[in-house]
C-alpha atoms as a PDB file:
ATOM      1  CA  MET A   1     -12.875   3.328 -25.548  1.00  0.00           C
ATOM      2  CA  ALA A   2     -11.247   2.386 -22.533  1.00  0.00           C
ATOM      3  CA  ARG A   3     -10.766  -1.008 -23.695  1.00  0.00           C
ATOM      4  CA  ARG A   4      -8.871   0.382 -26.794  1.00  0.00           C
ATOM      5  CA  ARG A   5      -6.486   2.376 -24.582  1.00  0.00           C
ATOM      6  CA  VAL A   6      -5.356  -0.554 -22.698  1.00  0.00           C
ATOM      7  CA  LEU A   7      -4.880  -2.794 -25.526  1.00  0.00           C
ATOM      8  CA  PRO A   8      -1.499  -1.612 -26.723  1.00  0.00           C
ATOM      9  CA  GLY A   9      -0.048  -1.716 -23.521  1.00  0.00           C
ATOM     10  CA  LEU A  10      -1.328  -5.099 -22.957  1.00  0.00           C
ATOM     11  CA  LEU A  11       0.042  -6.312 -26.047  1.00  0.00           C
ATOM     12  CA  ALA A  12       3.545  -4.800 -25.212  1.00  0.00           C
ATOM     13  CA  ALA A  13       3.340  -6.703 -21.820  1.00  0.00           C
ATOM     14  CA  VAL A  14       2.575  -9.995 -23.468  1.00  0.00           C
ATOM     15  CA  ALA A  15       5.740  -9.235 -25.524  1.00  0.00           C
ATOM     16  CA  LEU A  16       7.632  -8.830 -22.291  1.00  0.00           C
ATOM     17  CA  LEU A  17       6.462 -12.083 -20.992  1.00  0.00           C
ATOM     18  CA  ILE A  18       7.113 -13.948 -23.914  1.00  0.00           C
ATOM     19  CA  ALA A  19      10.894 -13.419 -23.178  1.00  0.00           C
ATOM     20  CA  ALA A  20      13.852 -13.848 -25.341  1.00  0.00           C
ATOM     21  CA  THR A  21      14.362 -17.636 -26.312  1.00  0.00           C
ATOM     22  CA  PRO A  22      17.840 -18.905 -26.414  1.00  0.00           C
ATOM     23  CA  ALA A  23      19.245 -19.993 -29.894  1.00  0.00           C
ATOM     24  CA  PRO A  24      18.265 -23.553 -30.684  1.00  0.00           C
ATOM     25  CA  ALA A  25      21.257 -26.000 -29.941  1.00  0.00           C
ATOM     26  CA  SER A  26      22.604 -27.844 -33.018  1.00  0.00           C
ATOM     27  CA  SER A  27      21.290 -31.513 -32.900  1.00  0.00           C
ATOM     28  CA  GLY A  28      23.762 -33.037 -35.413  1.00  0.00           C
ATOM     29  CA  ARG A  29      20.820 -34.699 -36.847  1.00  0.00           C
ATOM     30  CA  GLU A  30      17.712 -34.033 -38.771  1.00  0.00           C
ATOM     31  CA  MET A  31      14.513 -33.820 -36.669  1.00  0.00           C
ATOM     32  CA  ARG A  32      11.194 -35.237 -38.006  1.00  0.00           C
ATOM     33  CA  ILE A  33       8.484 -32.545 -37.285  1.00  0.00           C
ATOM     34  CA  PHE A  34       4.662 -32.981 -37.222  1.00  0.00           C
ATOM     35  CA  PRO A  35       3.292 -29.426 -36.633  1.00  0.00           C
ATOM     36  CA  ASP A  36      -0.281 -28.276 -35.749  1.00  0.00           C
ATOM     37  CA  ILE A  37      -1.716 -31.629 -34.299  1.00  0.00           C
ATOM     38  CA  SER A  38      -5.128 -30.941 -32.944  1.00  0.00           C
ATOM     39  CA  TYR A  39      -5.364 -33.018 -29.612  1.00  0.00           C
ATOM     40  CA  ALA A  40      -9.055 -31.635 -28.927  1.00  0.00           C
ATOM     41  CA  ALA A  41     -11.616 -29.443 -30.629  1.00  0.00           C
ATOM     42  CA  THR A  42      -9.490 -26.595 -31.581  1.00  0.00           C
ATOM     43  CA  VAL A  43     -10.204 -23.098 -30.250  1.00  0.00           C
ATOM     44  CA  GLY A  44      -7.893 -20.696 -32.071  1.00  0.00           C
ATOM     45  CA  ARG A  45      -4.178 -22.182 -31.654  1.00  0.00           C
ATOM     46  CA  GLY A  46      -5.091 -23.389 -28.259  1.00  0.00           C
ATOM     47  CA  HIS A  47      -5.617 -27.008 -28.684  1.00  0.00           C
ATOM     48  CA  LEU A  48      -2.836 -27.780 -31.046  1.00  0.00           C
ATOM     49  CA  LEU A  49       0.650 -29.381 -30.459  1.00  0.00           C
ATOM     50  CA  ASP A  50       3.774 -29.695 -32.409  1.00  0.00           C
ATOM     51  CA  LEU A  51       5.913 -33.177 -32.243  1.00  0.00           C
ATOM     52  CA  TYR A  52       9.460 -33.358 -32.990  1.00  0.00           C
ATOM     53  CA  LEU A  53      10.969 -36.643 -32.996  1.00  0.00           C
ATOM     54  CA  PRO A  54      14.760 -37.673 -33.505  1.00  0.00           C
ATOM     55  CA  GLY A  55      15.824 -38.358 -36.853  1.00  0.00           C
ATOM     56  CA  ARG A  56      17.323 -41.785 -36.260  1.00  0.00           C
ATOM     57  CA  ARG A  57      14.608 -44.256 -36.110  1.00  0.00           C
ATOM     58  CA  THR A  58      14.613 -46.882 -33.149  1.00  0.00           C
ATOM     59  CA  ALA A  59      12.540 -49.957 -32.085  1.00  0.00           C
ATOM     60  CA  ASN A  60      13.100 -48.571 -28.567  1.00  0.00           C
ATOM     61  CA  ARG A  61      10.518 -46.198 -26.856  1.00  0.00           C
ATOM     62  CA  ARG A  62      11.624 -42.816 -26.183  1.00  0.00           C
ATOM     63  CA  PRO A  63      10.785 -40.527 -23.302  1.00  0.00           C
ATOM     64  CA  LEU A  64       8.482 -37.551 -24.057  1.00  0.00           C
ATOM     65  CA  LEU A  65       9.030 -33.846 -22.801  1.00  0.00           C
ATOM     66  CA  ILE A  66       6.244 -31.581 -23.135  1.00  0.00           C
ATOM     67  CA  VAL A  67       7.204 -27.998 -23.425  1.00  0.00           C
ATOM     68  CA  MET A  68       4.975 -25.064 -22.890  1.00  0.00           C
ATOM     69  CA  GLY A  69       5.889 -21.262 -23.132  1.00  0.00           C
ATOM     70  CA  GLY A  70       4.446 -18.541 -20.985  1.00  0.00           C
ATOM     71  CA  SER A  71       2.295 -15.349 -21.952  1.00  0.00           C
ATOM     72  CA  GLY A  72       0.711 -14.407 -18.727  1.00  0.00           C
ATOM     73  CA  TRP A  73      -2.190 -16.730 -20.078  1.00  0.00           C
ATOM     74  CA  PHE A  74      -2.804 -13.951 -22.639  1.00  0.00           C
ATOM     75  CA  GLY A  75      -1.494 -16.104 -25.639  1.00  0.00           C
ATOM     76  CA  ASP A  76      -2.638 -19.427 -26.950  1.00  0.00           C
ATOM     77  CA  ASP A  77       0.499 -20.220 -28.775  1.00  0.00           C
ATOM     78  CA  GLY A  78       2.724 -21.739 -25.879  1.00  0.00           C
ATOM     79  CA  LYS A  79       3.818 -24.642 -28.288  1.00  0.00           C
ATOM     80  CA  ALA A  80       6.458 -22.261 -29.911  1.00  0.00           C
ATOM     81  CA  TYR A  81       8.766 -22.339 -27.179  1.00  0.00           C
ATOM     82  CA  ALA A  82       9.631 -26.048 -27.954  1.00  0.00           C
ATOM     83  CA  GLN A  83      11.095 -25.005 -31.286  1.00  0.00           C
ATOM     84  CA  SER A  84      14.059 -23.526 -29.642  1.00  0.00           C
ATOM     85  CA  LEU A  85      14.589 -26.730 -27.169  1.00  0.00           C
ATOM     86  CA  ALA A  86      13.694 -29.411 -29.569  1.00  0.00           C
ATOM     87  CA  PRO A  87      17.118 -29.619 -31.477  1.00  0.00           C
ATOM     88  CA  PHE A  88      18.927 -30.344 -28.120  1.00  0.00           C
ATOM     89  CA  PHE A  89      16.583 -32.792 -26.747  1.00  0.00           C
ATOM     90  CA  THR A  90      15.595 -34.753 -29.628  1.00  0.00           C
ATOM     91  CA  ALA A  91      19.494 -35.093 -29.938  1.00  0.00           C
ATOM     92  CA  ALA A  92      19.590 -36.454 -26.467  1.00  0.00           C
ATOM     93  CA  GLY A  93      16.835 -39.133 -27.331  1.00  0.00           C
ATOM     94  CA  PHE A  94      13.737 -37.631 -26.300  1.00  0.00           C
ATOM     95  CA  VAL A  95      10.410 -37.012 -28.271  1.00  0.00           C
ATOM     96  CA  VAL A  96       9.615 -33.368 -27.726  1.00  0.00           C
ATOM     97  CA  ALA A  97       5.889 -31.942 -27.763  1.00  0.00           C
ATOM     98  CA  GLY A  98       5.219 -28.255 -27.891  1.00  0.00           C
ATOM     99  CA  VAL A  99       1.775 -27.856 -26.336  1.00  0.00           C
ATOM    100  CA  SER A 100      -0.484 -24.847 -26.495  1.00  0.00           C
ATOM    101  CA  THR A 101      -3.460 -24.269 -24.115  1.00  0.00           C
ATOM    102  CA  ARG A 102      -6.367 -21.721 -24.546  1.00  0.00           C
ATOM    103  CA  SER A 103      -5.786 -18.272 -23.226  1.00  0.00           C
ATOM    104  CA  SER A 104      -7.582 -16.516 -20.484  1.00  0.00           C
ATOM    105  CA  ARG A 105      -9.594 -14.651 -23.094  1.00  0.00           C
ATOM    106  CA  GLN A 106     -10.732 -17.846 -24.622  1.00  0.00           C
ATOM    107  CA  ALA A 107     -11.442 -19.786 -21.338  1.00  0.00           C
ATOM    108  CA  ARG A 108     -10.937 -19.209 -17.510  1.00  0.00           C
ATOM    109  CA  PHE A 109      -9.159 -21.317 -15.028  1.00  0.00           C
ATOM    110  CA  PRO A 110      -9.195 -24.461 -14.705  1.00  0.00           C
ATOM    111  CA  ALA A 111      -9.508 -24.768 -18.531  1.00  0.00           C
ATOM    112  CA  GLN A 112      -5.836 -24.501 -19.056  1.00  0.00           C
ATOM    113  CA  VAL A 113      -5.240 -27.289 -16.569  1.00  0.00           C
ATOM    114  CA  HIS A 114      -7.849 -29.318 -18.625  1.00  0.00           C
ATOM    115  CA  ASP A 115      -6.178 -28.739 -21.863  1.00  0.00           C
ATOM    116  CA  VAL A 116      -2.468 -29.883 -20.590  1.00  0.00           C
ATOM    117  CA  LYS A 117      -3.989 -32.885 -19.333  1.00  0.00           C
ATOM    118  CA  ALA A 118      -5.990 -33.599 -22.574  1.00  0.00           C
ATOM    119  CA  ALA A 119      -2.689 -33.098 -24.367  1.00  0.00           C
ATOM    120  CA  ILE A 120      -0.951 -35.799 -22.111  1.00  0.00           C
ATOM    121  CA  ARG A 121      -3.789 -38.202 -22.668  1.00  0.00           C
ATOM    122  CA  TRP A 122      -3.734 -37.611 -26.635  1.00  0.00           C
ATOM    123  CA  LEU A 123      -0.078 -38.231 -26.403  1.00  0.00           C
ATOM    124  CA  ARG A 124      -0.506 -41.319 -24.520  1.00  0.00           C
ATOM    125  CA  LYS A 125      -3.209 -42.766 -26.866  1.00  0.00           C
ATOM    126  CA  HIS A 126      -0.724 -42.128 -29.678  1.00  0.00           C
ATOM    127  CA  ALA A 127       2.449 -43.211 -28.133  1.00  0.00           C
ATOM    128  CA  ALA A 128       3.036 -46.454 -30.228  1.00  0.00           C
ATOM    129  CA  GLY A 129       2.608 -44.490 -33.279  1.00  0.00           C
ATOM    130  CA  PHE A 130       5.071 -41.825 -32.443  1.00  0.00           C
ATOM    131  CA  GLY A 131       7.721 -44.110 -30.532  1.00  0.00           C
ATOM    132  CA  ILE A 132       6.801 -42.546 -27.188  1.00  0.00           C
ATOM    133  CA  ASP A 133       7.386 -44.410 -23.842  1.00  0.00           C
ATOM    134  CA  PRO A 134       4.006 -43.788 -22.108  1.00  0.00           C
ATOM    135  CA  ARG A 135       5.639 -44.528 -18.658  1.00  0.00           C
ATOM    136  CA  ARG A 136       8.170 -41.597 -18.925  1.00  0.00           C
ATOM    137  CA  VAL A 137       6.836 -38.143 -19.428  1.00  0.00           C
ATOM    138  CA  ALA A 138       7.840 -34.970 -18.345  1.00  0.00           C
ATOM    139  CA  VAL A 139       6.683 -31.296 -18.491  1.00  0.00           C
ATOM    140  CA  LEU A 140       8.669 -28.168 -18.823  1.00  0.00           C
ATOM    141  CA  GLY A 141       7.447 -24.597 -18.927  1.00  0.00           C
ATOM    142  CA  ASP A 142       8.478 -20.937 -18.056  1.00  0.00           C
ATOM    143  CA  SER A 143       6.289 -18.406 -16.417  1.00  0.00           C
ATOM    144  CA  SER A 144       2.577 -19.097 -16.857  1.00  0.00           C
ATOM    145  CA  GLY A 145       3.812 -22.201 -18.683  1.00  0.00           C
ATOM    146  CA  GLY A 146       5.764 -23.208 -15.701  1.00  0.00           C
ATOM    147  CA  TRP A 147       2.609 -22.730 -13.635  1.00  0.00           C
ATOM    148  CA  THR A 148       0.886 -25.052 -16.172  1.00  0.00           C
ATOM    149  CA  ALA A 149       3.658 -27.551 -15.848  1.00  0.00           C
ATOM    150  CA  ALA A 150       3.361 -27.504 -12.174  1.00  0.00           C
ATOM    151  CA  MET A 151      -0.068 -27.852 -12.108  1.00  0.00           C
ATOM    152  CA  ALA A 152      -0.152 -30.949 -14.631  1.00  0.00           C
ATOM    153  CA  GLY A 153       2.324 -32.391 -12.076  1.00  0.00           C
ATOM    154  CA  LEU A 154       0.557 -31.752  -8.977  1.00  0.00           C
ATOM    155  CA  THR A 155      -3.170 -32.164  -9.556  1.00  0.00           C
ATOM    156  CA  GLY A 156      -5.085 -35.264  -9.916  1.00  0.00           C
ATOM    157  CA  PRO A 157      -8.299 -36.631 -11.257  1.00  0.00           C
ATOM    158  CA  ALA A 158     -10.257 -33.579 -10.197  1.00  0.00           C
ATOM    159  CA  PHE A 159      -8.897 -31.486 -12.844  1.00  0.00           C
ATOM    160  CA  GLU A 160      -9.330 -33.922 -15.903  1.00  0.00           C
ATOM    161  CA  GLY A 161     -11.956 -32.200 -17.368  1.00  0.00           C
ATOM    162  CA  ARG A 162     -13.867 -33.044 -20.303  1.00  0.00           C
ATOM    163  CA  VAL A 163     -11.699 -31.831 -23.117  1.00  0.00           C
ATOM    164  CA  GLY A 164     -10.347 -34.343 -25.885  1.00  0.00           C
ATOM    165  CA  VAL A 165      -9.971 -38.111 -25.331  1.00  0.00           C
ATOM    166  CA  GLY A 166     -10.403 -39.983 -22.351  1.00  0.00           C
ATOM    167  CA  GLY A 167      -9.354 -43.307 -21.001  1.00  0.00           C
ATOM    168  CA  TYR A 168      -6.046 -42.555 -20.623  1.00  0.00           C
ATOM    169  CA  PRO A 169      -3.685 -41.288 -17.556  1.00  0.00           C
ATOM    170  CA  SER A 170      -2.508 -37.608 -17.485  1.00  0.00           C
ATOM    171  CA  ASP A 171       0.140 -38.166 -14.768  1.00  0.00           C
ATOM    172  CA  VAL A 172       3.684 -37.133 -15.608  1.00  0.00           C
ATOM    173  CA  GLN A 173       6.835 -38.469 -13.945  1.00  0.00           C
ATOM    174  CA  ALA A 174       9.052 -35.026 -13.956  1.00  0.00           C
ATOM    175  CA  VAL A 175       8.525 -31.397 -13.843  1.00  0.00           C
ATOM    176  CA  VAL A 176      10.768 -28.413 -14.672  1.00  0.00           C
ATOM    177  CA  ASP A 177       9.371 -25.319 -13.458  1.00  0.00           C
ATOM    178  CA  LEU A 178      11.217 -22.071 -14.970  1.00  0.00           C
ATOM    179  CA  TYR A 179       9.932 -19.121 -12.760  1.00  0.00           C
ATOM    180  CA  GLY A 180       6.347 -19.942 -12.739  1.00  0.00           C
ATOM    181  CA  PRO A 181       3.671 -18.146 -10.260  1.00  0.00           C
ATOM    182  CA  THR A 182       2.894 -20.524  -7.243  1.00  0.00           C
ATOM    183  CA  ASP A 183       0.688 -18.509  -4.848  1.00  0.00           C
ATOM    184  CA  PHE A 184      -1.047 -15.757  -6.559  1.00  0.00           C
ATOM    185  CA  ALA A 185      -1.876 -13.954  -3.131  1.00  0.00           C
ATOM    186  CA  GLN A 186       1.869 -13.586  -2.259  1.00  0.00           C
ATOM    187  CA  MET A 187       3.218 -11.984  -5.358  1.00  0.00           C
ATOM    188  CA  ASP A 188       2.814  -8.248  -4.808  1.00  0.00           C
ATOM    189  CA  ALA A 189       4.466  -8.291  -1.408  1.00  0.00           C
ATOM    190  CA  HIS A 190       7.580  -9.814  -2.668  1.00  0.00           C
ATOM    191  CA  MET A 191       8.036  -7.731  -5.821  1.00  0.00           C
ATOM    192  CA  LEU A 192      11.172  -6.121  -6.402  1.00  0.00           C
ATOM    193  CA  PRO A 193      11.404  -2.222  -5.655  1.00  0.00           C
ATOM    194  CA  GLY A 194       9.859  -0.301  -8.685  1.00  0.00           C
ATOM    195  CA  ALA A 195       8.761  -3.554 -10.492  1.00  0.00           C
ATOM    196  CA  CYS A 196       5.040  -2.982  -9.441  1.00  0.00           C
ATOM    197  CA  ASP A 197       5.218   0.248 -11.285  1.00  0.00           C
ATOM    198  CA  GLU A 198       6.614  -1.149 -14.285  1.00  0.00           C
ATOM    199  CA  LEU A 199       3.932  -3.803 -14.362  1.00  0.00           C
ATOM    200  CA  ASN A 200       1.169  -1.303 -14.011  1.00  0.00           C
ATOM    201  CA  ARG A 201       2.628   0.803 -16.948  1.00  0.00           C
ATOM    202  CA  ASN A 202       3.090  -2.202 -19.410  1.00  0.00           C
ATOM    203  CA  PHE A 203      -0.298  -3.663 -18.499  1.00  0.00           C
ATOM    204  CA  GLY A 204      -2.433  -0.559 -18.155  1.00  0.00           C
ATOM    205  CA  LEU A 205      -2.837  -1.433 -14.284  1.00  0.00           C
ATOM    206  CA  THR A 206      -2.964   0.421 -11.085  1.00  0.00           C
ATOM    207  CA  THR A 207      -2.636  -2.174  -8.351  1.00  0.00           C
ATOM    208  CA  CYS A 208      -0.106  -4.708  -9.627  1.00  0.00           C
ATOM    209  CA  HIS A 209      -0.878  -8.248  -9.791  1.00  0.00           C
ATOM    210  CA  ALA A 210      -4.134  -7.578  -7.486  1.00  0.00           C
ATOM    211  CA  ASP A 211      -5.543  -5.372 -10.191  1.00  0.00           C
ATOM    212  CA  PRO A 212      -8.667  -6.647 -11.794  1.00  0.00           C
ATOM    213  CA  ARG A 213      -6.892  -6.718 -15.235  1.00  0.00           C
ATOM    214  CA  SER A 214      -3.607  -8.466 -14.166  1.00  0.00           C
ATOM    215  CA  PRO A 215      -2.920 -11.755 -15.658  1.00  0.00           C
ATOM    216  CA  GLU A 216      -3.619 -13.723 -12.652  1.00  0.00           C
ATOM    217  CA  SER A 217      -7.098 -11.957 -12.220  1.00  0.00           C
ATOM    218  CA  SER A 218      -7.908 -12.205 -15.899  1.00  0.00           C
ATOM    219  CA  LEU A 219      -7.107 -16.101 -15.501  1.00  0.00           C
ATOM    220  CA  LEU A 220      -9.635 -16.416 -12.619  1.00  0.00           C
ATOM    221  CA  GLY A 221     -12.096 -13.970 -13.725  1.00  0.00           C
ATOM    222  CA  CYS A 222     -11.992 -11.949 -10.582  1.00  0.00           C
ATOM    223  CA  PRO A 223      -9.625  -9.763  -8.697  1.00  0.00           C
ATOM    224  CA  ILE A 224      -7.490 -12.038  -6.888  1.00  0.00           C
ATOM    225  CA  LEU A 225      -7.994 -10.262  -3.443  1.00  0.00           C
ATOM    226  CA  THR A 226     -11.665 -10.649  -3.646  1.00  0.00           C
ATOM    227  CA  CYS A 227     -11.766 -14.409  -4.396  1.00  0.00           C
ATOM    228  CA  PRO A 228      -9.433 -16.248  -2.156  1.00  0.00           C
ATOM    229  CA  SER A 229     -10.975 -19.545  -2.575  1.00  0.00           C
ATOM    230  CA  ALA A 230     -10.462 -19.195  -6.388  1.00  0.00           C
ATOM    231  CA  VAL A 231      -7.052 -18.102  -5.837  1.00  0.00           C
ATOM    232  CA  GLN A 232      -6.287 -21.156  -3.517  1.00  0.00           C
ATOM    233  CA  ARG A 233      -7.709 -23.410  -6.224  1.00  0.00           C
ATOM    234  CA  ALA A 234      -5.293 -22.111  -8.777  1.00  0.00           C
ATOM    235  CA  ASN A 235      -2.132 -21.984  -6.617  1.00  0.00           C
ATOM    236  CA  PRO A 236       0.242 -24.919  -7.441  1.00  0.00           C
ATOM    237  CA  ILE A 237       1.286 -25.007  -3.903  1.00  0.00           C
ATOM    238  CA  THR A 238      -2.084 -25.978  -2.786  1.00  0.00           C
ATOM    239  CA  TYR A 239      -1.583 -29.552  -4.326  1.00  0.00           C
ATOM    240  CA  VAL A 240       1.844 -30.342  -3.228  1.00  0.00           C
ATOM    241  CA  ALA A 241       2.005 -33.824  -1.499  1.00  0.00           C
ATOM    242  CA  LYS A 242       4.539 -36.494  -0.694  1.00  0.00           C
ATOM    243  CA  HIS A 243       3.727 -38.480  -3.863  1.00  0.00           C
ATOM    244  CA  ALA A 244       4.664 -35.288  -6.278  1.00  0.00           C
ATOM    245  CA  PRO A 245       7.065 -35.849  -9.137  1.00  0.00           C
ATOM    246  CA  PRO A 246      10.481 -34.799  -8.966  1.00  0.00           C
ATOM    247  CA  PHE A 247      10.859 -30.994  -9.681  1.00  0.00           C
ATOM    248  CA  LEU A 248      13.558 -29.035 -11.066  1.00  0.00           C
ATOM    249  CA  ILE A 249      12.755 -25.355 -10.218  1.00  0.00           C
ATOM    250  CA  ALA A 250      14.849 -22.369 -11.852  1.00  0.00           C
ATOM    251  CA  HIS A 251      14.318 -18.595 -11.063  1.00  0.00           C
ATOM    252  CA  GLY A 252      16.042 -15.399 -11.724  1.00  0.00           C
ATOM    253  CA  GLU A 253      17.042 -13.117  -8.597  1.00  0.00           C
ATOM    254  CA  GLU A 254      16.342 -10.031 -10.853  1.00  0.00           C
ATOM    255  CA  ASP A 255      12.819 -11.298 -12.007  1.00  0.00           C
ATOM    256  CA  ARG A 256      10.558  -8.050 -12.034  1.00  0.00           C
ATOM    257  CA  LEU A 257       7.467 -10.019 -13.191  1.00  0.00           C
ATOM    258  CA  VAL A 258       6.988 -13.149 -10.937  1.00  0.00           C
ATOM    259  CA  PRO A 259       9.205 -12.679  -7.639  1.00  0.00           C
ATOM    260  CA  LEU A 260      11.890 -15.204  -6.567  1.00  0.00           C
ATOM    261  CA  HIS A 261       9.753 -15.819  -3.415  1.00  0.00           C
ATOM    262  CA  GLN A 262       7.120 -17.776  -5.635  1.00  0.00           C
ATOM    263  CA  SER A 263       9.698 -20.495  -6.395  1.00  0.00           C
ATOM    264  CA  ARG A 264      11.014 -20.472  -2.887  1.00  0.00           C
ATOM    265  CA  LEU A 265       7.390 -21.142  -1.785  1.00  0.00           C
ATOM    266  CA  LEU A 266       7.118 -24.153  -4.130  1.00  0.00           C
ATOM    267  CA  PHE A 267      10.361 -25.586  -2.924  1.00  0.00           C
ATOM    268  CA  ASP A 268       9.563 -25.235   0.569  1.00  0.00           C
ATOM    269  CA  ALA A 269       6.211 -26.665   0.271  1.00  0.00           C
ATOM    270  CA  LEU A 270       7.873 -29.783  -1.637  1.00  0.00           C
ATOM    271  CA  HIS A 271      10.573 -30.006   1.051  1.00  0.00           C
ATOM    272  CA  ALA A 272       7.976 -29.998   3.724  1.00  0.00           C
ATOM    273  CA  ALA A 273       5.872 -32.805   2.133  1.00  0.00           C
ATOM    274  CA  GLY A 274       9.058 -34.984   1.539  1.00  0.00           C
ATOM    275  CA  ALA A 275       8.834 -34.645  -2.086  1.00  0.00           C
ATOM    276  CA  PRO A 276      12.031 -34.575  -4.455  1.00  0.00           C
ATOM    277  CA  ALA A 277      13.126 -31.039  -5.659  1.00  0.00           C
ATOM    278  CA  THR A 278      15.891 -29.022  -6.787  1.00  0.00           C
ATOM    279  CA  PHE A 279      15.980 -25.331  -6.741  1.00  0.00           C
ATOM    280  CA  TYR A 280      18.159 -23.026  -8.697  1.00  0.00           C
ATOM    281  CA  SER A 281      18.145 -19.431  -7.606  1.00  0.00           C
ATOM    282  CA  VAL A 282      20.162 -17.654 -10.324  1.00  0.00           C
ATOM    283  CA  PRO A 283      21.648 -14.152  -9.610  1.00  0.00           C
ATOM    284  CA  GLY A 284      21.491 -11.473 -12.451  1.00  0.00           C
ATOM    285  CA  ALA A 285      18.901 -13.533 -14.438  1.00  0.00           C
ATOM    286  CA  GLY A 286      15.537 -11.940 -14.951  1.00  0.00           C
ATOM    287  CA  HIS A 287      12.142 -13.106 -16.424  1.00  0.00           C
ATOM    288  CA  ASP A 288      14.132 -14.611 -19.354  1.00  0.00           C
ATOM    289  CA  LYS A 289      14.112 -18.137 -20.944  1.00  0.00           C
ATOM    290  CA  SER A 290      17.893 -17.822 -21.430  1.00  0.00           C
ATOM    291  CA  ILE A 291      17.987 -18.939 -17.694  1.00  0.00           C
ATOM    292  CA  VAL A 292      18.750 -22.329 -19.108  1.00  0.00           C
ATOM    293  CA  SER A 293      21.719 -21.121 -21.021  1.00  0.00           C
ATOM    294  CA  PRO A 294      25.389 -21.220 -19.500  1.00  0.00           C
ATOM    295  CA  SER A 295      25.807 -17.464 -19.741  1.00  0.00           C
ATOM    296  CA  HIS A 296      24.405 -16.652 -16.268  1.00  0.00           C
ATOM    297  CA  ALA A 297      26.387 -16.507 -12.984  1.00  0.00           C
ATOM    298  CA  VAL A 298      26.557 -19.548 -10.750  1.00  0.00           C
ATOM    299  CA  ALA A 299      23.510 -20.086  -8.833  1.00  0.00           C
ATOM    300  CA  THR A 300      22.576 -21.380  -5.512  1.00  0.00           C
ATOM    301  CA  VAL A 301      21.345 -24.781  -5.647  1.00  0.00           C
ATOM    302  CA  ARG A 302      18.938 -26.269  -2.802  1.00  0.00           C
ATOM    303  CA  ARG A 303      18.134 -29.839  -3.018  1.00  0.00           C
ATOM    304  CA  THR A 304      15.559 -31.973  -0.865  1.00  0.00           C
ATOM    305  CA  ALA A 305      14.309 -35.633  -0.891  1.00  0.00           C
ATOM    306  CA  ALA A 306      12.400 -37.541   1.590  1.00  0.00           C
ATOM    307  CA  GLY A 307      12.026 -34.527   3.700  1.00  0.00           C
ATOM    308  CA  ARG A 308      15.672 -33.858   4.100  1.00  0.00           C
ATOM    309  CA  GLU A 309      17.482 -30.828   2.568  1.00  0.00           C
ATOM    310  CA  ALA A 310      20.986 -31.131   1.688  1.00  0.00           C
ATOM    311  CA  ALA A 311      23.496 -28.354   2.371  1.00  0.00           C
ATOM    312  CA  PRO A 312      23.082 -25.913  -0.296  1.00  0.00           C
ATOM    313  CA  GLY A 313      25.486 -25.969  -3.396  1.00  0.00           C
ATOM    314  CA  THR A 314      26.174 -24.280  -6.432  1.00  0.00           C
ATOM    315  CA  GLY A 315      25.651 -24.787 -10.149  1.00  0.00           C
ATOM    316  CA  ARG A 316      24.027 -23.604 -13.300  1.00  0.00           C
ATOM    317  CA  PRO A 317      20.530 -24.802 -14.846  1.00  0.00           C
ATOM    318  CA  THR A 318      21.615 -25.340 -18.345  1.00  0.00           C
ATOM    319  CA  LEU A 319      19.930 -27.518 -20.776  1.00  0.00           C
ATOM    320  CA  GLU A 320      22.399 -30.144 -19.988  1.00  0.00           C
ATOM    321  CA  THR A 321      21.448 -29.797 -16.364  1.00  0.00           C
ATOM    322  CA  VAL A 322      18.004 -30.244 -17.224  1.00  0.00           C
ATOM    323  CA  ASP A 323      18.916 -33.266 -19.304  1.00  0.00           C
ATOM    324  CA  ARG A 324      20.523 -34.816 -16.365  1.00  0.00           C
ATOM    325  CA  PHE A 325      17.573 -34.315 -14.106  1.00  0.00           C
ATOM    326  CA  LEU A 326      15.134 -35.733 -16.430  1.00  0.00           C
ATOM    327  CA  ARG A 327      17.214 -38.774 -17.073  1.00  0.00           C
ATOM    328  CA  GLN A 328      17.409 -39.405 -13.146  1.00  0.00           C
ATOM    329  CA  ALA A 329      13.727 -38.731 -12.570  1.00  0.00           C
ATOM    330  CA  LEU A 330      12.616 -40.792 -15.522  1.00  0.00           C
ATOM    331  CA  GLY A 331      15.162 -43.557 -14.765  1.00  0.00           C
ATOM    332  CA  LEU A 332      16.909 -43.443 -17.986  1.00  0.00           C
END
């Protein structure tokens, strides 16, 4: 009976986590779409991807942008986020892949990292058939999808797993992390006033992210305060190193689900390691995919490379901003 009482609140919370998506930008060209491709033994929708190719065919290989939407790890349909971004990025010359990974109900961590790495290997295996440049692969995600993108960019062979095809590399050359969690144990201490009460109501919890039924605890299969070694293994900041690919990070200052501090931690860790990163702290923005629209207030921008941080600047993390970042990071 208790399980039935929690379910409506949980579904409502998942709806909140899958925040409003910006309207698709017009590409001016038709896309070629290949939906529901299985990159591994399908579990629900968690091992499917959608491919979006530019309408204009060319002999040149195109860079690949992998997109994953967030759901607090409760959903297995993260590939849907790519639908709204694909018109813009295919018009800009990218192949876009929307990738789904298994939910925490289907498999515990590190299954989700195994899944995204399996998708990357599958895409490299089939790169020639879809006109993909396997040397230029970027990942983008929001919320738990941002966590997955960060883990794809930062983790190495220890997280390859046994899902899908082998024999191909799963590294990426650029990461776009939109308000993803980076250190589970530090989330509650930095929640905005009243935000933990909201999270408790929406998820049927009592102790915020530390609750045994929270998204993070559900992902790990243990209350996060009782399993520090598992938490550390699941934290992207654990794996930050000098050889990390370039990161673009954007986080809303009014985010009431994942505190802004989580992205500050990641940026500071990348800076300390000497890895390149750009961090947009966006005033007025919450936990919302529209953070990459031009409608928000001008953000504070921090940049670091080779262990040196530039003086803070200003700007907006729009789709055009993401495009410029990817072109520079991928050498386009």
